[in-house]
């Protein structure tokens, strides 16, 4: 398999722009080229083929890693962890499944980076519940959508909006925002004490390239198909409650659904949790099957 030492590296104090230039030297692969290289790795463990598959996707890794740079961790480490995820993806990729490596690899790259972020922040800092983890990884995105760009504490209306969108308490939103903003780095901060450049000078173009857009769309399509199949495991009432509680905006309250079905709010909550667990289990099995 490809080893990290065989890949271009970006040191914590190195030049990001130089690294991005270096990885652009590796050619993008056509569909048939990618297929033949993947077959060579699967059937013959051809290390050179695996190396080409990894290096041709280093730009994808860097693009994804940039999306996580707001967590106060070195970009070099984020890219390094993403590269590990990329290598794991190549190792497990099956070209006979019918989709491109980029689509499959995105899951592994993001998982590797997110695991590194969780380790670095520690569960003590970000919380232990699934809802808190969801808040941790979605807070920045939601703030951008509602243009909550003010420094310090969020405005009350923004807190309420985010809490509703992510189905968490307003206290959790306030607390998580304070923890995360405490770790933010100003984009106008100098790279080093002896350097003239600022962090913002080294940020890559945020415009999605064609490969990322195509891979994102294909991934969304795959996830939607998996969700639709998982929903078939539920009865009609479970489908309706889960949809109204988690898949529509704004979601219905427990009180509204309890009145609709003539049961207690606690009973609605139990049905929602059970339905979600069924869907989650089915999608995990489907993802595991696709990864094999």
C-alpha atoms as a PDB file:
ATOM      1  CA  UNK A   1       0.000   0.000   0.000  1.00  0.00           C
ATOM      2  CA  UNK A   2       1.034   3.662  -0.284  1.00  0.00           C
ATOM      3  CA  UNK A   3       2.894   5.030   2.720  1.00  0.00           C
ATOM      4  CA  UNK A   4       2.625   8.602   3.960  1.00  0.00           C
ATOM      5  CA  UNK A   5       6.350   9.093   3.455  1.00  0.00           C
ATOM      6  CA  UNK A   6       5.825   8.589  -0.286  1.00  0.00           C
ATOM      7  CA  UNK A   7       3.414  11.536  -0.517  1.00  0.00           C
ATOM      8  CA  UNK A   8       4.106  15.279  -0.666  1.00  0.00           C
ATOM      9  CA  UNK A   9       4.030  16.641   2.871  1.00  0.00           C
ATOM     10  CA  UNK A  10       3.035  19.942   4.386  1.00  0.00           C
ATOM     11  CA  UNK A  11       4.803  20.801   7.627  1.00  0.00           C
ATOM     12  CA  UNK A  12       3.044  22.975  10.234  1.00  0.00           C
ATOM     13  CA  UNK A  13       5.295  25.905   9.334  1.00  0.00           C
ATOM     14  CA  UNK A  14       5.483  25.111   5.613  1.00  0.00           C
ATOM     15  CA  UNK A  15       3.990  26.895   2.654  1.00  0.00           C
ATOM     16  CA  UNK A  16       0.427  25.848   1.918  1.00  0.00           C
ATOM     17  CA  UNK A  17       0.483  27.469  -1.508  1.00  0.00           C
ATOM     18  CA  UNK A  18       3.628  25.506  -2.423  1.00  0.00           C
ATOM     19  CA  UNK A  19       2.012  22.253  -1.311  1.00  0.00           C
ATOM     20  CA  UNK A  20      -1.075  22.989  -3.406  1.00  0.00           C
ATOM     21  CA  UNK A  21       1.158  23.669  -6.386  1.00  0.00           C
ATOM     22  CA  UNK A  22       3.045  20.422  -5.799  1.00  0.00           C
ATOM     23  CA  UNK A  23      -0.062  18.220  -5.698  1.00  0.00           C
ATOM     24  CA  UNK A  24      -1.422  19.810  -8.887  1.00  0.00           C
ATOM     25  CA  UNK A  25       1.458  18.123 -10.702  1.00  0.00           C
ATOM     26  CA  UNK A  26      -0.275  14.781 -10.328  1.00  0.00           C
ATOM     27  CA  UNK A  27      -2.650  14.224 -13.272  1.00  0.00           C
ATOM     28  CA  UNK A  28      -6.368  13.680 -12.874  1.00  0.00           C
ATOM     29  CA  UNK A  29      -7.525  10.245 -14.015  1.00  0.00           C
ATOM     30  CA  UNK A  30     -10.091   9.449 -16.647  1.00  0.00           C
ATOM     31  CA  UNK A  31     -12.743   6.893 -15.729  1.00  0.00           C
ATOM     32  CA  UNK A  32     -11.110   4.033 -17.613  1.00  0.00           C
ATOM     33  CA  UNK A  33      -7.649   4.876 -16.225  1.00  0.00           C
ATOM     34  CA  UNK A  34      -8.990   4.850 -12.687  1.00  0.00           C
ATOM     35  CA  UNK A  35     -10.747   1.533 -13.292  1.00  0.00           C
ATOM     36  CA  UNK A  36      -7.633  -0.200 -14.622  1.00  0.00           C
ATOM     37  CA  UNK A  37      -5.441   1.109 -11.796  1.00  0.00           C
ATOM     38  CA  UNK A  38      -7.985   0.023  -9.195  1.00  0.00           C
ATOM     39  CA  UNK A  39      -8.167  -3.417 -10.787  1.00  0.00           C
ATOM     40  CA  UNK A  40      -4.380  -3.645 -10.703  1.00  0.00           C
ATOM     41  CA  UNK A  41      -4.400  -2.922  -6.973  1.00  0.00           C
ATOM     42  CA  UNK A  42      -7.296  -5.273  -6.151  1.00  0.00           C
ATOM     43  CA  UNK A  43      -6.017  -8.195  -8.210  1.00  0.00           C
ATOM     44  CA  UNK A  44      -2.241  -7.808  -7.962  1.00  0.00           C
ATOM     45  CA  UNK A  45      -1.653  -5.365  -5.059  1.00  0.00           C
ATOM     46  CA  UNK A  46       0.219  -3.142  -7.493  1.00  0.00           C
ATOM     47  CA  UNK A  47       1.691  -0.449  -5.222  1.00  0.00           C
ATOM     48  CA  UNK A  48       2.432   1.908  -8.101  1.00  0.00           C
ATOM     49  CA  UNK A  49      -1.206   1.721  -9.167  1.00  0.00           C
ATOM     50  CA  UNK A  50      -2.318   2.485  -5.608  1.00  0.00           C
ATOM     51  CA  UNK A  51       0.118   5.398  -5.477  1.00  0.00           C
ATOM     52  CA  UNK A  52      -1.347   6.895  -8.654  1.00  0.00           C
ATOM     53  CA  UNK A  53      -4.860   6.528  -7.312  1.00  0.00           C
ATOM     54  CA  UNK A  54      -3.951   8.329  -4.081  1.00  0.00           C
ATOM     55  CA  UNK A  55      -1.887  11.136  -5.607  1.00  0.00           C
ATOM     56  CA  UNK A  56      -4.493  11.895  -8.249  1.00  0.00           C
ATOM     57  CA  UNK A  57      -6.938  12.675  -5.421  1.00  0.00           C
ATOM     58  CA  UNK A  58      -4.676  14.766  -3.156  1.00  0.00           C
ATOM     59  CA  UNK A  59      -6.411  17.922  -4.403  1.00  0.00           C
ATOM     60  CA  UNK A  60      -9.716  16.468  -3.254  1.00  0.00           C
ATOM     61  CA  UNK A  61      -8.224  15.786   0.193  1.00  0.00           C
ATOM     62  CA  UNK A  62      -6.912  19.355   0.459  1.00  0.00           C
ATOM     63  CA  UNK A  63     -10.266  20.779  -0.628  1.00  0.00           C
ATOM     64  CA  UNK A  64     -12.136  18.786   2.016  1.00  0.00           C
ATOM     65  CA  UNK A  65      -9.540  19.553   4.714  1.00  0.00           C
ATOM     66  CA  UNK A  66      -9.921  23.294   4.070  1.00  0.00           C
ATOM     67  CA  UNK A  67     -13.549  22.992   5.055  1.00  0.00           C
ATOM     68  CA  UNK A  68     -12.439  22.037   8.586  1.00  0.00           C
ATOM     69  CA  UNK A  69      -9.786  24.708   9.083  1.00  0.00           C
ATOM     70  CA  UNK A  70     -12.012  26.720  11.428  1.00  0.00           C
ATOM     71  CA  UNK A  71     -11.543  24.284  14.314  1.00  0.00           C
ATOM     72  CA  UNK A  72      -8.263  25.858  15.391  1.00  0.00           C
ATOM     73  CA  UNK A  73      -6.087  22.938  14.256  1.00  0.00           C
ATOM     74  CA  UNK A  74      -3.079  23.083  11.885  1.00  0.00           C
ATOM     75  CA  UNK A  75      -4.062  22.750   8.229  1.00  0.00           C
ATOM     76  CA  UNK A  76      -1.050  20.497   7.763  1.00  0.00           C
ATOM     77  CA  UNK A  77      -2.446  18.018  10.279  1.00  0.00           C
ATOM     78  CA  UNK A  78      -5.917  18.122   8.737  1.00  0.00           C
ATOM     79  CA  UNK A  79      -4.479  17.360   5.304  1.00  0.00           C
ATOM     80  CA  UNK A  80      -2.241  14.637   6.700  1.00  0.00           C
ATOM     81  CA  UNK A  81      -5.191  12.918   8.385  1.00  0.00           C
ATOM     82  CA  UNK A  82      -7.243  13.315   5.218  1.00  0.00           C
ATOM     83  CA  UNK A  83      -4.478  11.636   3.235  1.00  0.00           C
ATOM     84  CA  UNK A  84      -4.630   8.674   5.610  1.00  0.00           C
ATOM     85  CA  UNK A  85      -8.356   8.456   4.929  1.00  0.00           C
ATOM     86  CA  UNK A  86      -7.638   8.601   1.197  1.00  0.00           C
ATOM     87  CA  UNK A  87      -5.232   5.681   1.465  1.00  0.00           C
ATOM     88  CA  UNK A  88      -7.792   3.678   3.397  1.00  0.00           C
ATOM     89  CA  UNK A  89     -10.335   4.404   0.679  1.00  0.00           C
ATOM     90  CA  UNK A  90      -8.017   3.143  -2.063  1.00  0.00           C
ATOM     91  CA  UNK A  91      -7.251   0.042  -0.039  1.00  0.00           C
ATOM     92  CA  UNK A  92     -10.953  -0.851   0.195  1.00  0.00           C
ATOM     93  CA  UNK A  93     -12.232   0.512  -3.117  1.00  0.00           C
ATOM     94  CA  UNK A  94     -14.018  -1.935  -5.397  1.00  0.00           C
ATOM     95  CA  UNK A  95     -14.048  -0.681  -9.023  1.00  0.00           C
ATOM     96  CA  UNK A  96     -16.835  -3.127  -9.883  1.00  0.00           C
ATOM     97  CA  UNK A  97     -19.354  -1.241  -7.722  1.00  0.00           C
ATOM     98  CA  UNK A  98     -19.921   1.222 -10.550  1.00  0.00           C
ATOM     99  CA  UNK A  99     -19.068   4.580  -8.961  1.00  0.00           C
ATOM    100  CA  UNK A 100     -15.971   6.755  -9.031  1.00  0.00           C
ATOM    101  CA  UNK A 101     -13.260   6.605  -6.397  1.00  0.00           C
ATOM    102  CA  UNK A 102     -13.781  10.272  -5.451  1.00  0.00           C
ATOM    103  CA  UNK A 103     -17.344   9.568  -4.326  1.00  0.00           C
ATOM    104  CA  UNK A 104     -16.271   6.618  -2.189  1.00  0.00           C
ATOM    105  CA  UNK A 105     -13.156   8.352  -0.853  1.00  0.00           C
ATOM    106  CA  UNK A 106     -14.987  11.444   0.388  1.00  0.00           C
ATOM    107  CA  UNK A 107     -16.570   9.380   3.170  1.00  0.00           C
ATOM    108  CA  UNK A 108     -13.191   8.057   4.321  1.00  0.00           C
ATOM    109  CA  UNK A 109     -11.452  11.447   4.080  1.00  0.00           C
ATOM    110  CA  UNK A 110     -14.117  13.221   6.110  1.00  0.00           C
ATOM    111  CA  UNK A 111     -14.260  10.418   8.666  1.00  0.00           C
ATOM    112  CA  UNK A 112     -10.492  10.530   9.195  1.00  0.00           C
ATOM    113  CA  UNK A 113     -10.450  14.321   9.588  1.00  0.00           C
ATOM    114  CA  UNK A 114     -13.459  14.385  11.902  1.00  0.00           C
ATOM    115  CA  UNK A 115     -11.985  11.644  14.080  1.00  0.00           C
ATOM    116  CA  UNK A 116      -8.780  13.679  14.385  1.00  0.00           C
ATOM    117  CA  UNK A 117     -10.757  16.803  15.325  1.00  0.00           C
ATOM    118  CA  UNK A 118     -12.723  14.903  17.951  1.00  0.00           C
ATOM    119  CA  UNK A 119      -9.527  13.490  19.425  1.00  0.00           C
ATOM    120  CA  UNK A 120      -7.891  16.908  19.480  1.00  0.00           C
ATOM    121  CA  UNK A 121     -10.780  18.751  21.075  1.00  0.00           C
ATOM    122  CA  UNK A 122     -11.660  15.786  23.324  1.00  0.00           C
ATOM    123  CA  UNK A 123     -15.187  14.740  24.196  1.00  0.00           C
ATOM    124  CA  UNK A 124     -14.836  16.586  27.480  1.00  0.00           C
ATOM    125  CA  UNK A 125     -14.706  19.859  25.551  1.00  0.00           C
ATOM    126  CA  UNK A 126     -17.389  19.262  22.930  1.00  0.00           C
ATOM    127  CA  UNK A 127     -19.847  17.035  24.772  1.00  0.00           C
ATOM    128  CA  UNK A 128     -20.679  13.369  24.647  1.00  0.00           C
ATOM    129  CA  UNK A 129     -24.149  13.112  23.154  1.00  0.00           C
ATOM    130  CA  UNK A 130     -24.916  12.553  19.487  1.00  0.00           C
ATOM    131  CA  UNK A 131     -26.771  15.869  19.423  1.00  0.00           C
ATOM    132  CA  UNK A 132     -23.737  17.746  20.750  1.00  0.00           C
ATOM    133  CA  UNK A 133     -21.455  16.126  18.182  1.00  0.00           C
ATOM    134  CA  UNK A 134     -23.948  17.045  15.458  1.00  0.00           C
ATOM    135  CA  UNK A 135     -23.938  20.611  16.777  1.00  0.00           C
ATOM    136  CA  UNK A 136     -20.139  20.674  16.826  1.00  0.00           C
ATOM    137  CA  UNK A 137     -19.807  19.749  13.152  1.00  0.00           C
ATOM    138  CA  UNK A 138     -22.746  21.810  11.844  1.00  0.00           C
ATOM    139  CA  UNK A 139     -22.644  25.030  13.841  1.00  0.00           C
ATOM    140  CA  UNK A 140     -20.321  26.895  11.481  1.00  0.00           C
ATOM    141  CA  UNK A 141     -22.303  25.890   8.402  1.00  0.00           C
ATOM    142  CA  UNK A 142     -25.611  26.994   9.899  1.00  0.00           C
ATOM    143  CA  UNK A 143     -24.108  30.282  11.111  1.00  0.00           C
ATOM    144  CA  UNK A 144     -22.968  30.953   7.561  1.00  0.00           C
ATOM    145  CA  UNK A 145     -26.401  30.181   6.140  1.00  0.00           C
ATOM    146  CA  UNK A 146     -28.165  32.629   8.440  1.00  0.00           C
ATOM    147  CA  UNK A 147     -25.304  35.155   8.204  1.00  0.00           C
ATOM    148  CA  UNK A 148     -24.578  35.036  11.924  1.00  0.00           C
ATOM    149  CA  UNK A 149     -21.100  36.455  11.418  1.00  0.00           C
ATOM    150  CA  UNK A 150     -20.876  38.640  14.500  1.00  0.00           C
ATOM    151  CA  UNK A 151     -18.031  37.981  16.913  1.00  0.00           C
ATOM    152  CA  UNK A 152     -18.687  36.841  20.467  1.00  0.00           C
ATOM    153  CA  UNK A 153     -22.092  35.610  21.568  1.00  0.00           C
ATOM    154  CA  UNK A 154     -24.800  34.977  19.006  1.00  0.00           C
ATOM    155  CA  UNK A 155     -27.878  37.169  18.796  1.00  0.00           C
ATOM    156  CA  UNK A 156     -30.930  35.622  20.520  1.00  0.00           C
ATOM    157  CA  UNK A 157     -32.767  35.156  17.227  1.00  0.00           C
ATOM    158  CA  UNK A 158     -29.756  33.347  15.771  1.00  0.00           C
ATOM    159  CA  UNK A 159     -29.538  31.066  18.810  1.00  0.00           C
ATOM    160  CA  UNK A 160     -33.196  30.165  18.439  1.00  0.00           C
ATOM    161  CA  UNK A 161     -32.864  29.543  14.699  1.00  0.00           C
ATOM    162  CA  UNK A 162     -29.826  27.274  15.085  1.00  0.00           C
ATOM    163  CA  UNK A 163     -31.377  25.345  17.969  1.00  0.00           C
ATOM    164  CA  UNK A 164     -34.480  24.654  15.889  1.00  0.00           C
ATOM    165  CA  UNK A 165     -32.535  23.630  12.792  1.00  0.00           C
ATOM    166  CA  UNK A 166     -30.342  21.165  14.700  1.00  0.00           C
ATOM    167  CA  UNK A 167     -32.936  20.024  17.268  1.00  0.00           C
ATOM    168  CA  UNK A 168     -30.786  20.965  20.259  1.00  0.00           C
ATOM    169  CA  UNK A 169     -31.347  23.278  23.208  1.00  0.00           C
ATOM    170  CA  UNK A 170     -30.533  26.978  23.023  1.00  0.00           C
ATOM    171  CA  UNK A 171     -28.169  26.548  25.980  1.00  0.00           C
ATOM    172  CA  UNK A 172     -26.202  23.954  24.008  1.00  0.00           C
ATOM    173  CA  UNK A 173     -25.918  26.359  21.056  1.00  0.00           C
ATOM    174  CA  UNK A 174     -24.645  29.213  23.251  1.00  0.00           C
ATOM    175  CA  UNK A 175     -22.175  26.959  25.072  1.00  0.00           C
ATOM    176  CA  UNK A 176     -20.803  25.324  21.919  1.00  0.00           C
ATOM    177  CA  UNK A 177     -20.444  28.651  20.125  1.00  0.00           C
ATOM    178  CA  UNK A 178     -18.414  30.056  23.020  1.00  0.00           C
ATOM    179  CA  UNK A 179     -16.145  27.007  23.093  1.00  0.00           C
ATOM    180  CA  UNK A 180     -15.557  27.104  19.361  1.00  0.00           C
ATOM    181  CA  UNK A 181     -15.021  30.841  18.998  1.00  0.00           C
ATOM    182  CA  UNK A 182     -12.473  30.646  21.811  1.00  0.00           C
ATOM    183  CA  UNK A 183     -10.405  28.400  19.532  1.00  0.00           C
ATOM    184  CA  UNK A 184     -10.868  30.454  16.336  1.00  0.00           C
ATOM    185  CA  UNK A 185      -7.884  32.003  14.621  1.00  0.00           C
ATOM    186  CA  UNK A 186      -8.275  35.403  13.022  1.00  0.00           C
ATOM    187  CA  UNK A 187      -7.747  35.307   9.270  1.00  0.00           C
ATOM    188  CA  UNK A 188      -5.787  38.536   9.628  1.00  0.00           C
ATOM    189  CA  UNK A 189      -3.349  37.026  12.130  1.00  0.00           C
ATOM    190  CA  UNK A 190       0.234  36.708  10.831  1.00  0.00           C
ATOM    191  CA  UNK A 191       1.439  33.244   9.926  1.00  0.00           C
ATOM    192  CA  UNK A 192       4.572  33.701  12.030  1.00  0.00           C
ATOM    193  CA  UNK A 193       5.990  36.496  14.098  1.00  0.00           C
ATOM    194  CA  UNK A 194       8.658  37.161  11.469  1.00  0.00           C
ATOM    195  CA  UNK A 195       6.316  36.872   8.476  1.00  0.00           C
ATOM    196  CA  UNK A 196       4.393  39.564   6.616  1.00  0.00           C
ATOM    197  CA  UNK A 197       1.715  37.251   5.228  1.00  0.00           C
ATOM    198  CA  UNK A 198      -1.632  36.663   6.907  1.00  0.00           C
ATOM    199  CA  UNK A 199      -3.684  33.461   7.203  1.00  0.00           C
ATOM    200  CA  UNK A 200      -6.184  34.706   4.653  1.00  0.00           C
ATOM    201  CA  UNK A 201      -3.407  34.980   2.058  1.00  0.00           C
ATOM    202  CA  UNK A 202      -3.048  31.203   2.098  1.00  0.00           C
ATOM    203  CA  UNK A 203      -6.679  30.190   1.772  1.00  0.00           C
ATOM    204  CA  UNK A 204      -7.599  28.370  -1.414  1.00  0.00           C
ATOM    205  CA  UNK A 205     -10.413  29.359  -3.727  1.00  0.00           C
ATOM    206  CA  UNK A 206     -13.703  28.289  -2.154  1.00  0.00           C
ATOM    207  CA  UNK A 207     -15.379  27.772  -5.537  1.00  0.00           C
ATOM    208  CA  UNK A 208     -16.043  24.011  -5.804  1.00  0.00           C
ATOM    209  CA  UNK A 209     -14.173  22.356  -8.634  1.00  0.00           C
ATOM    210  CA  UNK A 210     -15.996  20.064 -11.039  1.00  0.00           C
ATOM    211  CA  UNK A 211     -14.763  16.868  -9.411  1.00  0.00           C
ATOM    212  CA  UNK A 212     -15.912  17.911  -5.933  1.00  0.00           C
ATOM    213  CA  UNK A 213     -19.330  19.011  -7.211  1.00  0.00           C
ATOM    214  CA  UNK A 214     -19.830  15.747  -9.102  1.00  0.00           C
ATOM    215  CA  UNK A 215     -18.669  13.654  -6.153  1.00  0.00           C
ATOM    216  CA  UNK A 216     -20.888  15.598  -3.734  1.00  0.00           C
ATOM    217  CA  UNK A 217     -23.915  15.135  -5.963  1.00  0.00           C
ATOM    218  CA  UNK A 218     -23.243  11.431  -6.375  1.00  0.00           C
ATOM    219  CA  UNK A 219     -22.724  11.003  -2.629  1.00  0.00           C
ATOM    220  CA  UNK A 220     -26.010  12.798  -1.882  1.00  0.00           C
ATOM    221  CA  UNK A 221     -27.779  10.579  -4.389  1.00  0.00           C
ATOM    222  CA  UNK A 222     -26.347   7.437  -2.796  1.00  0.00           C
ATOM    223  CA  UNK A 223     -27.285   8.599   0.708  1.00  0.00           C
ATOM    224  CA  UNK A 224     -30.798   9.510  -0.406  1.00  0.00           C
ATOM    225  CA  UNK A 225     -31.246   6.072  -1.964  1.00  0.00           C
ATOM    226  CA  UNK A 226     -29.987   4.429   1.231  1.00  0.00           C
ATOM    227  CA  UNK A 227     -32.376   6.546   3.310  1.00  0.00           C
ATOM    228  CA  UNK A 228     -35.333   5.676   1.097  1.00  0.00           C
ATOM    229  CA  UNK A 229     -34.539   1.980   1.393  1.00  0.00           C
ATOM    230  CA  UNK A 230     -34.107   2.278   5.173  1.00  0.00           C
ATOM    231  CA  UNK A 231     -37.476   4.035   5.531  1.00  0.00           C
ATOM    232  CA  UNK A 232     -39.141   0.954   4.046  1.00  0.00           C
ATOM    233  CA  UNK A 233     -38.203  -0.878   7.244  1.00  0.00           C
ATOM    234  CA  UNK A 234     -40.654   1.322   9.179  1.00  0.00           C
ATOM    235  CA  UNK A 235     -44.414   1.069   9.468  1.00  0.00           C
ATOM    236  CA  UNK A 236     -46.600   3.937   8.282  1.00  0.00           C
ATOM    237  CA  UNK A 237     -46.786   5.672  11.664  1.00  0.00           C
ATOM    238  CA  UNK A 238     -43.032   5.420  12.251  1.00  0.00           C
ATOM    239  CA  UNK A 239     -42.333   6.814   8.781  1.00  0.00           C
ATOM    240  CA  UNK A 240     -44.628   9.774   9.334  1.00  0.00           C
ATOM    241  CA  UNK A 241     -43.334  10.631  12.803  1.00  0.00           C
ATOM    242  CA  UNK A 242     -39.672  10.345  11.814  1.00  0.00           C
ATOM    243  CA  UNK A 243     -40.258  12.436   8.696  1.00  0.00           C
ATOM    244  CA  UNK A 244     -42.110  15.151  10.588  1.00  0.00           C
ATOM    245  CA  UNK A 245     -39.554  15.238  13.402  1.00  0.00           C
ATOM    246  CA  UNK A 246     -36.276  14.989  11.485  1.00  0.00           C
ATOM    247  CA  UNK A 247     -36.700  15.341   7.739  1.00  0.00           C
ATOM    248  CA  UNK A 248     -38.752  18.495   7.283  1.00  0.00           C
ATOM    249  CA  UNK A 249     -38.183  22.151   8.122  1.00  0.00           C
ATOM    250  CA  UNK A 250     -39.465  23.289  10.481  1.00  0.00           C
ATOM    251  CA  UNK A 251     -39.992  19.977  12.311  1.00  0.00           C
ATOM    252  CA  UNK A 252     -43.250  19.307  14.114  1.00  0.00           C
ATOM    253  CA  UNK A 253     -43.230  19.360  17.899  1.00  0.00           C
ATOM    254  CA  UNK A 254     -43.925  16.337  20.079  1.00  0.00           C
ATOM    255  CA  UNK A 255     -47.095  18.090  21.244  1.00  0.00           C
ATOM    256  CA  UNK A 256     -48.423  18.496  17.698  1.00  0.00           C
ATOM    257  CA  UNK A 257     -47.826  14.845  16.854  1.00  0.00           C
ATOM    258  CA  UNK A 258     -49.207  13.624  20.156  1.00  0.00           C
ATOM    259  CA  UNK A 259     -52.475  15.421  19.396  1.00  0.00           C
ATOM    260  CA  UNK A 260     -52.509  14.060  15.854  1.00  0.00           C
ATOM    261  CA  UNK A 261     -52.150  10.444  17.025  1.00  0.00           C
ATOM    262  CA  UNK A 262     -53.970  10.734  20.330  1.00  0.00           C
ATOM    263  CA  UNK A 263     -51.011   9.528  22.400  1.00  0.00           C
ATOM    264  CA  UNK A 264     -48.669  11.142  24.921  1.00  0.00           C
ATOM    265  CA  UNK A 265     -45.661  13.197  23.908  1.00  0.00           C
ATOM    266  CA  UNK A 266     -43.419  10.605  25.553  1.00  0.00           C
ATOM    267  CA  UNK A 267     -44.965   7.899  23.381  1.00  0.00           C
ATOM    268  CA  UNK A 268     -44.285   9.961  20.246  1.00  0.00           C
ATOM    269  CA  UNK A 269     -40.699  10.461  21.393  1.00  0.00           C
ATOM    270  CA  UNK A 270     -40.258   6.723  21.927  1.00  0.00           C
ATOM    271  CA  UNK A 271     -41.601   5.968  18.446  1.00  0.00           C
ATOM    272  CA  UNK A 272     -39.283   8.591  16.945  1.00  0.00           C
ATOM    273  CA  UNK A 273     -36.218   7.181  18.708  1.00  0.00           C
ATOM    274  CA  UNK A 274     -37.069   3.594  17.764  1.00  0.00           C
ATOM    275  CA  UNK A 275     -37.680   4.554  14.134  1.00  0.00           C
ATOM    276  CA  UNK A 276     -34.427   6.512  13.961  1.00  0.00           C
ATOM    277  CA  UNK A 277     -32.473   3.583  15.401  1.00  0.00           C
ATOM    278  CA  UNK A 278     -33.981   1.251  12.777  1.00  0.00           C
ATOM    279  CA  UNK A 279     -33.056   3.629   9.949  1.00  0.00           C
ATOM    280  CA  UNK A 280     -29.589   4.202  11.363  1.00  0.00           C
ATOM    281  CA  UNK A 281     -28.934   0.464  11.662  1.00  0.00           C
ATOM    282  CA  UNK A 282     -30.127  -0.207   8.113  1.00  0.00           C
ATOM    283  CA  UNK A 283     -27.976   2.597   6.660  1.00  0.00           C
ATOM    284  CA  UNK A 284     -24.896   1.431   8.581  1.00  0.00           C
ATOM    285  CA  UNK A 285     -25.334  -2.064   7.178  1.00  0.00           C
ATOM    286  CA  UNK A 286     -25.838  -0.692   3.675  1.00  0.00           C
ATOM    287  CA  UNK A 287     -22.727   1.527   3.959  1.00  0.00           C
ATOM    288  CA  UNK A 288     -20.696  -1.380   5.312  1.00  0.00           C
ATOM    289  CA  UNK A 289     -21.833  -3.581   2.449  1.00  0.00           C
ATOM    290  CA  UNK A 290     -20.915  -0.922  -0.101  1.00  0.00           C
ATOM    291  CA  UNK A 291     -17.457  -0.507   1.461  1.00  0.00           C
ATOM    292  CA  UNK A 292     -16.618  -4.202   1.128  1.00  0.00           C
END
